[in-house]
Amino acid sequence: MTSLLSRISGWYLLFVAAAVGIQFMVELLYESSTSITPPQVWFVLDWFSLVGFVVCISANFHYMNSKGSGQDVVWERIASNTAFYLSIALTLAFVHNFFGSLAGGKDDLLFWKFINVIQVPLFAATGWRLAIKK
C-alpha cells in the first residue's frame, strides 16, 4: 500500500511540476487574448502546489531518514539532506507569498518567479524518485 501511495504522490508531483512549468513559460502568450487571466490560473495552481509542498516535504523527510551511514552513501545523504531542507525553505517562501496574495495582493511578483523556478525541478526530482525510480 505504501508503494502505491508513493507512486501516486510521485505522479502528482510530476504533473504539478509540468503544469507550473508550462504556465510559467506561456502565461505571457495568452494574457490579453482570452478571458482567463494568468492570475486566475496561478490561483488554481497555487492550491495544487500547496498540497504538493506537503507531499514533497514528507517524501524528502522519509528519503533523508532512509539513508544510513557509511562511505558509499555520502553523496546520497548529501542529496537527501539538500532535497529536504530545500523543500522546507521553499515551502516557507511559498506559504508566505501565498497567504500574502490571499490577504489582498500583499505578495511579491519577483518572489513568485523565484519560487516557481525552484519549485519545478524540486517537484520533478522528488516525483521522479517516488513514481519512476523505485
N, C-alpha and C. Protein backbone atom coordinates (compact mmCIF):
# COMPACT_ATOMS: atom_id res chain seq x y z
N MET A 1 0.82 -1.20 0.00
CA MET A 1 0.00 0.00 0.00
C MET A 1 0.86 1.26 0.00
N THR A 2 1.92 1.23 0.77
CA THR A 2 2.81 2.38 0.82
C THR A 2 3.43 2.65 -0.54
N SER A 3 3.74 1.58 -1.26
CA SER A 3 4.32 1.74 -2.58
C SER A 3 3.34 2.40 -3.55
N LEU A 4 2.06 2.01 -3.46
CA LEU A 4 1.05 2.60 -4.32
C LEU A 4 0.86 4.08 -3.99
N LEU A 5 0.78 4.40 -2.71
CA LEU A 5 0.65 5.80 -2.29
C LEU A 5 1.87 6.62 -2.71
N SER A 6 3.03 6.01 -2.63
CA SER A 6 4.26 6.67 -3.04
C SER A 6 4.24 6.97 -4.54
N ARG A 7 3.81 6.02 -5.32
CA ARG A 7 3.75 6.23 -6.78
C ARG A 7 2.71 7.29 -7.15
N ILE A 8 1.56 7.24 -6.51
CA ILE A 8 0.52 8.25 -6.78
C ILE A 8 1.04 9.64 -6.41
N SER A 9 1.69 9.74 -5.26
CA SER A 9 2.27 11.02 -4.84
C SER A 9 3.32 11.50 -5.83
N GLY A 10 4.13 10.57 -6.32
CA GLY A 10 5.15 10.92 -7.30
C GLY A 10 4.55 11.46 -8.58
N TRP A 11 3.53 10.78 -9.07
CA TRP A 11 2.88 11.25 -10.30
C TRP A 11 2.20 12.60 -10.08
N TYR A 12 1.63 12.80 -8.91
CA TYR A 12 1.02 14.08 -8.58
C TYR A 12 2.07 15.20 -8.65
N LEU A 13 3.22 14.96 -8.03
CA LEU A 13 4.29 15.98 -8.07
C LEU A 13 4.77 16.22 -9.50
N LEU A 14 4.88 15.17 -10.29
CA LEU A 14 5.32 15.34 -11.69
C LEU A 14 4.31 16.17 -12.49
N PHE A 15 3.02 15.91 -12.29
CA PHE A 15 2.00 16.68 -13.02
C PHE A 15 1.95 18.13 -12.56
N VAL A 16 2.09 18.37 -11.26
CA VAL A 16 2.11 19.76 -10.77
C VAL A 16 3.35 20.48 -11.29
N ALA A 17 4.48 19.81 -11.30
CA ALA A 17 5.70 20.42 -11.84
C ALA A 17 5.51 20.78 -13.31
N ALA A 18 4.92 19.89 -14.08
CA ALA A 18 4.68 20.17 -15.51
C ALA A 18 3.71 21.33 -15.67
N ALA A 19 2.63 21.34 -14.90
CA ALA A 19 1.64 22.42 -15.01
C ALA A 19 2.23 23.77 -14.65
N VAL A 20 2.99 23.82 -13.56
CA VAL A 20 3.62 25.08 -13.14
C VAL A 20 4.65 25.53 -14.17
N GLY A 21 5.45 24.60 -14.67
CA GLY A 21 6.46 24.94 -15.68
C GLY A 21 5.85 25.45 -16.97
N ILE A 22 4.80 24.80 -17.43
CA ILE A 22 4.13 25.23 -18.66
C ILE A 22 3.49 26.60 -18.46
N GLN A 23 2.77 26.77 -17.34
CA GLN A 23 2.14 28.06 -17.05
C GLN A 23 3.18 29.17 -16.95
N PHE A 24 4.30 28.88 -16.33
CA PHE A 24 5.36 29.87 -16.19
C PHE A 24 5.88 30.32 -17.55
N MET A 25 5.98 29.38 -18.47
CA MET A 25 6.53 29.69 -19.80
C MET A 25 5.53 30.37 -20.73
N VAL A 26 4.24 30.03 -20.64
CA VAL A 26 3.28 30.51 -21.63
C VAL A 26 2.32 31.59 -21.13
N GLU A 27 2.43 31.98 -19.88
CA GLU A 27 1.44 32.93 -19.35
C GLU A 27 1.41 34.25 -20.10
N LEU A 28 2.52 34.68 -20.61
CA LEU A 28 2.54 35.97 -21.33
C LEU A 28 1.92 35.86 -22.72
N LEU A 29 1.82 34.67 -23.26
CA LEU A 29 1.27 34.49 -24.60
C LEU A 29 -0.25 34.66 -24.66
N TYR A 30 -0.94 34.32 -23.60
CA TYR A 30 -2.40 34.39 -23.64
C TYR A 30 -2.97 35.48 -22.73
N GLU A 31 -2.12 36.33 -22.21
CA GLU A 31 -2.55 37.31 -21.22
C GLU A 31 -3.70 38.19 -21.71
N SER A 32 -3.65 38.65 -22.93
CA SER A 32 -4.70 39.57 -23.40
C SER A 32 -5.63 38.93 -24.43
N SER A 33 -5.36 37.69 -24.82
CA SER A 33 -6.16 37.09 -25.89
C SER A 33 -7.34 36.25 -25.41
N THR A 34 -7.43 35.97 -24.11
CA THR A 34 -8.54 35.16 -23.60
C THR A 34 -9.18 35.83 -22.40
N SER A 35 -10.32 35.29 -22.01
CA SER A 35 -10.99 35.84 -20.83
C SER A 35 -10.38 35.30 -19.54
N ILE A 36 -9.57 34.26 -19.64
CA ILE A 36 -8.87 33.72 -18.48
C ILE A 36 -7.55 34.46 -18.32
N THR A 37 -7.32 35.00 -17.16
CA THR A 37 -6.09 35.76 -16.92
C THR A 37 -5.07 34.88 -16.19
N PRO A 38 -3.78 35.17 -16.36
CA PRO A 38 -2.76 34.41 -15.64
C PRO A 38 -2.95 34.37 -14.12
N PRO A 39 -3.36 35.49 -13.47
CA PRO A 39 -3.57 35.38 -12.01
C PRO A 39 -4.65 34.36 -11.63
N GLN A 40 -5.66 34.20 -12.47
CA GLN A 40 -6.70 33.20 -12.18
C GLN A 40 -6.13 31.79 -12.27
N VAL A 41 -5.29 31.54 -13.26
CA VAL A 41 -4.68 30.23 -13.42
C VAL A 41 -3.71 29.97 -12.26
N TRP A 42 -2.91 30.98 -11.92
CA TRP A 42 -1.98 30.82 -10.80
C TRP A 42 -2.71 30.55 -9.51
N PHE A 43 -3.86 31.18 -9.30
CA PHE A 43 -4.63 30.96 -8.08
C PHE A 43 -5.02 29.49 -7.95
N VAL A 44 -5.46 28.87 -9.04
CA VAL A 44 -5.81 27.45 -9.02
C VAL A 44 -4.56 26.59 -8.82
N LEU A 45 -3.50 26.89 -9.55
CA LEU A 45 -2.26 26.11 -9.44
C LEU A 45 -1.64 26.22 -8.05
N ASP A 46 -1.83 27.35 -7.39
CA ASP A 46 -1.26 27.52 -6.05
C ASP A 46 -1.86 26.55 -5.05
N TRP A 47 -3.14 26.23 -5.18
CA TRP A 47 -3.76 25.26 -4.28
C TRP A 47 -3.18 23.87 -4.51
N PHE A 48 -2.97 23.50 -5.77
CA PHE A 48 -2.34 22.22 -6.08
C PHE A 48 -0.89 22.21 -5.59
N SER A 49 -0.23 23.34 -5.73
CA SER A 49 1.16 23.45 -5.26
C SER A 49 1.25 23.32 -3.75
N LEU A 50 0.28 23.89 -3.05
CA LEU A 50 0.28 23.80 -1.59
C LEU A 50 0.24 22.34 -1.14
N VAL A 51 -0.62 21.56 -1.75
CA VAL A 51 -0.68 20.12 -1.45
C VAL A 51 0.64 19.46 -1.87
N GLY A 52 1.18 19.88 -3.00
CA GLY A 52 2.45 19.33 -3.48
C GLY A 52 3.60 19.60 -2.52
N PHE A 53 3.62 20.75 -1.90
CA PHE A 53 4.68 21.05 -0.95
C PHE A 53 4.58 20.15 0.29
N VAL A 54 3.38 19.85 0.73
CA VAL A 54 3.21 18.93 1.86
C VAL A 54 3.74 17.54 1.48
N VAL A 55 3.39 17.08 0.28
CA VAL A 55 3.86 15.79 -0.21
C VAL A 55 5.38 15.80 -0.36
N CYS A 56 5.91 16.88 -0.89
CA CYS A 56 7.35 16.99 -1.13
C CYS A 56 8.14 16.97 0.18
N ILE A 57 7.68 17.70 1.18
CA ILE A 57 8.36 17.70 2.47
C ILE A 57 8.32 16.30 3.08
N SER A 58 7.16 15.68 3.06
CA SER A 58 7.02 14.35 3.64
C SER A 58 7.91 13.33 2.92
N ALA A 59 7.89 13.34 1.60
CA ALA A 59 8.69 12.39 0.82
C ALA A 59 10.18 12.62 1.04
N ASN A 60 10.60 13.87 1.05
CA ASN A 60 12.02 14.14 1.24
C ASN A 60 12.47 13.89 2.68
N PHE A 61 11.56 14.02 3.64
CA PHE A 61 11.89 13.67 5.02
C PHE A 61 12.14 12.16 5.13
N HIS A 62 11.26 11.38 4.52
CA HIS A 62 11.44 9.92 4.54
C HIS A 62 12.69 9.51 3.77
N TYR A 63 12.97 10.20 2.68
CA TYR A 63 14.17 9.93 1.89
C TYR A 63 15.42 10.22 2.71
N MET A 64 15.41 11.33 3.43
CA MET A 64 16.56 11.71 4.25
C MET A 64 16.78 10.70 5.38
N ASN A 65 15.70 10.26 6.01
CA ASN A 65 15.82 9.31 7.12
C ASN A 65 16.16 7.90 6.67
N SER A 66 15.95 7.59 5.41
CA SER A 66 16.23 6.24 4.92
C SER A 66 17.70 6.03 4.59
N LYS A 67 18.47 7.09 4.52
CA LYS A 67 19.88 6.97 4.18
C LYS A 67 20.69 6.69 5.42
N GLY A 68 21.39 5.56 5.42
CA GLY A 68 22.21 5.15 6.56
C GLY A 68 23.56 5.83 6.55
N SER A 69 24.41 5.35 7.39
CA SER A 69 25.76 5.92 7.45
C SER A 69 26.73 4.99 6.75
N GLY A 70 27.83 5.53 6.31
CA GLY A 70 28.84 4.76 5.61
C GLY A 70 29.45 5.57 4.49
N GLN A 71 30.58 5.11 4.03
CA GLN A 71 31.30 5.83 2.99
C GLN A 71 30.58 5.81 1.65
N ASP A 72 29.94 4.71 1.31
CA ASP A 72 29.35 4.58 -0.01
C ASP A 72 28.07 5.38 -0.20
N VAL A 73 27.47 5.88 0.86
CA VAL A 73 26.22 6.62 0.73
C VAL A 73 26.37 8.10 1.07
N VAL A 74 27.58 8.60 1.10
CA VAL A 74 27.79 10.00 1.47
C VAL A 74 27.07 10.94 0.51
N TRP A 75 27.18 10.70 -0.79
CA TRP A 75 26.53 11.57 -1.76
C TRP A 75 25.01 11.47 -1.68
N GLU A 76 24.51 10.29 -1.41
CA GLU A 76 23.06 10.15 -1.26
C GLU A 76 22.56 10.88 -0.01
N ARG A 77 23.35 10.86 1.05
CA ARG A 77 22.98 11.60 2.26
C ARG A 77 23.00 13.10 2.00
N ILE A 78 23.99 13.56 1.26
CA ILE A 78 24.05 14.99 0.91
C ILE A 78 22.85 15.36 0.05
N ALA A 79 22.53 14.52 -0.94
CA ALA A 79 21.39 14.79 -1.82
C ALA A 79 20.08 14.77 -1.05
N SER A 80 19.91 13.81 -0.16
CA SER A 80 18.65 13.71 0.59
C SER A 80 18.50 14.88 1.56
N ASN A 81 19.58 15.27 2.22
CA ASN A 81 19.51 16.42 3.12
C ASN A 81 19.23 17.71 2.35
N THR A 82 19.88 17.87 1.21
CA THR A 82 19.65 19.06 0.39
C THR A 82 18.20 19.12 -0.08
N ALA A 83 17.67 18.01 -0.55
CA ALA A 83 16.27 17.99 -1.01
C ALA A 83 15.31 18.33 0.13
N PHE A 84 15.56 17.78 1.30
CA PHE A 84 14.66 18.04 2.42
C PHE A 84 14.71 19.50 2.85
N TYR A 85 15.89 20.04 3.06
CA TYR A 85 15.99 21.42 3.54
C TYR A 85 15.58 22.43 2.47
N LEU A 86 15.80 22.11 1.21
CA LEU A 86 15.30 22.97 0.14
C LEU A 86 13.78 22.94 0.12
N SER A 87 13.19 21.78 0.36
CA SER A 87 11.73 21.68 0.43
C SER A 87 11.17 22.55 1.55
N ILE A 88 11.82 22.51 2.69
CA ILE A 88 11.37 23.32 3.83
C ILE A 88 11.48 24.81 3.50
N ALA A 89 12.63 25.23 2.99
CA ALA A 89 12.86 26.65 2.70
C ALA A 89 11.89 27.16 1.64
N LEU A 90 11.70 26.38 0.58
CA LEU A 90 10.80 26.83 -0.49
C LEU A 90 9.35 26.83 -0.04
N THR A 91 8.99 25.88 0.82
CA THR A 91 7.63 25.87 1.36
C THR A 91 7.37 27.11 2.20
N LEU A 92 8.33 27.50 3.01
CA LEU A 92 8.16 28.72 3.81
C LEU A 92 7.99 29.95 2.91
N ALA A 93 8.79 30.04 1.87
CA ALA A 93 8.66 31.15 0.93
C ALA A 93 7.31 31.12 0.22
N PHE A 94 6.90 29.93 -0.19
CA PHE A 94 5.63 29.78 -0.89
C PHE A 94 4.46 30.17 0.01
N VAL A 95 4.44 29.64 1.24
CA VAL A 95 3.33 29.93 2.16
C VAL A 95 3.27 31.42 2.48
N HIS A 96 4.42 32.05 2.66
CA HIS A 96 4.45 33.49 2.93
C HIS A 96 3.80 34.26 1.78
N ASN A 97 4.20 33.97 0.57
CA ASN A 97 3.66 34.68 -0.58
C ASN A 97 2.21 34.29 -0.86
N PHE A 98 1.87 33.01 -0.67
CA PHE A 98 0.52 32.54 -0.94
C PHE A 98 -0.49 33.21 -0.02
N PHE A 99 -0.20 33.24 1.26
CA PHE A 99 -1.12 33.90 2.19
C PHE A 99 -1.11 35.42 1.99
N GLY A 100 0.00 35.96 1.53
CA GLY A 100 0.03 37.37 1.18
C GLY A 100 -0.89 37.69 0.02
N SER A 101 -0.94 36.80 -0.97
CA SER A 101 -1.85 37.02 -2.10
C SER A 101 -3.31 36.84 -1.68
N LEU A 102 -3.57 35.91 -0.76
CA LEU A 102 -4.94 35.74 -0.26
C LEU A 102 -5.39 36.92 0.58
N ALA A 103 -4.42 37.63 1.18
CA ALA A 103 -4.74 38.77 2.04
C ALA A 103 -4.88 40.06 1.25
N GLY A 104 -5.08 39.96 -0.02
CA GLY A 104 -5.35 41.17 -0.80
C GLY A 104 -4.17 41.68 -1.59
N GLY A 105 -3.38 40.82 -2.14
CA GLY A 105 -2.30 41.25 -3.01
C GLY A 105 -1.06 41.74 -2.30
N LYS A 106 -0.79 41.20 -1.13
CA LYS A 106 0.42 41.59 -0.40
C LYS A 106 1.55 40.63 -0.69
N ASP A 107 1.60 40.14 -1.91
CA ASP A 107 2.66 39.22 -2.32
C ASP A 107 3.62 39.96 -3.26
N ASP A 108 4.73 39.33 -3.54
CA ASP A 108 5.77 39.93 -4.36
C ASP A 108 5.92 39.12 -5.64
N LEU A 109 5.74 39.76 -6.79
CA LEU A 109 5.79 39.07 -8.08
C LEU A 109 7.17 38.46 -8.35
N LEU A 110 8.22 39.18 -8.02
CA LEU A 110 9.57 38.65 -8.23
C LEU A 110 9.82 37.43 -7.35
N PHE A 111 9.29 37.45 -6.14
CA PHE A 111 9.40 36.31 -5.23
C PHE A 111 8.68 35.09 -5.81
N TRP A 112 7.52 35.32 -6.45
CA TRP A 112 6.80 34.22 -7.11
C TRP A 112 7.65 33.60 -8.21
N LYS A 113 8.32 34.42 -8.97
CA LYS A 113 9.17 33.91 -10.06
C LYS A 113 10.27 33.01 -9.49
N PHE A 114 10.90 33.44 -8.42
CA PHE A 114 11.94 32.64 -7.78
C PHE A 114 11.36 31.31 -7.29
N ILE A 115 10.22 31.36 -6.63
CA ILE A 115 9.59 30.15 -6.11
C ILE A 115 9.28 29.18 -7.25
N ASN A 116 8.70 29.67 -8.32
CA ASN A 116 8.31 28.79 -9.43
C ASN A 116 9.51 28.18 -10.13
N VAL A 117 10.57 28.93 -10.27
CA VAL A 117 11.77 28.42 -10.94
C VAL A 117 12.40 27.28 -10.13
N ILE A 118 12.37 27.36 -8.82
CA ILE A 118 12.93 26.31 -7.98
C ILE A 118 11.93 25.16 -7.77
N GLN A 119 10.66 25.49 -7.71
CA GLN A 119 9.62 24.50 -7.46
C GLN A 119 9.56 23.42 -8.54
N VAL A 120 9.68 23.82 -9.78
CA VAL A 120 9.55 22.85 -10.88
C VAL A 120 10.60 21.74 -10.80
N PRO A 121 11.90 22.04 -10.71
CA PRO A 121 12.85 20.92 -10.62
C PRO A 121 12.77 20.16 -9.30
N LEU A 122 12.42 20.83 -8.20
CA LEU A 122 12.28 20.14 -6.92
C LEU A 122 11.14 19.13 -6.97
N PHE A 123 9.97 19.56 -7.46
CA PHE A 123 8.83 18.65 -7.58
C PHE A 123 9.12 17.55 -8.59
N ALA A 124 9.76 17.89 -9.68
CA ALA A 124 10.05 16.89 -10.71
C ALA A 124 11.03 15.83 -10.20
N ALA A 125 12.08 16.25 -9.52
CA ALA A 125 13.06 15.29 -9.00
C ALA A 125 12.45 14.41 -7.91
N THR A 126 11.68 15.00 -7.02
CA THR A 126 11.05 14.22 -5.97
C THR A 126 9.99 13.29 -6.55
N GLY A 127 9.19 13.79 -7.47
CA GLY A 127 8.19 12.96 -8.12
C GLY A 127 8.80 11.82 -8.92
N TRP A 128 9.89 12.10 -9.61
CA TRP A 128 10.57 11.06 -10.37
C TRP A 128 11.08 9.95 -9.44
N ARG A 129 11.67 10.36 -8.33
CA ARG A 129 12.18 9.38 -7.38
C ARG A 129 11.06 8.52 -6.81
N LEU A 130 9.89 9.11 -6.57
CA LEU A 130 8.78 8.36 -5.99
C LEU A 130 8.05 7.50 -7.02
N ALA A 131 7.81 8.04 -8.21
CA ALA A 131 6.96 7.35 -9.19
C ALA A 131 7.73 6.41 -10.10
N ILE A 132 8.92 6.79 -10.51
CA ILE A 132 9.63 6.04 -11.54
C ILE A 132 10.79 5.24 -10.98
N LYS A 133 11.59 5.87 -10.17
CA LYS A 133 12.88 5.28 -9.77
C LYS A 133 12.74 4.07 -8.86
N LYS A 134 11.71 4.01 -8.04
CA LYS A 134 11.59 2.93 -7.06
C LYS A 134 11.51 1.59 -7.70
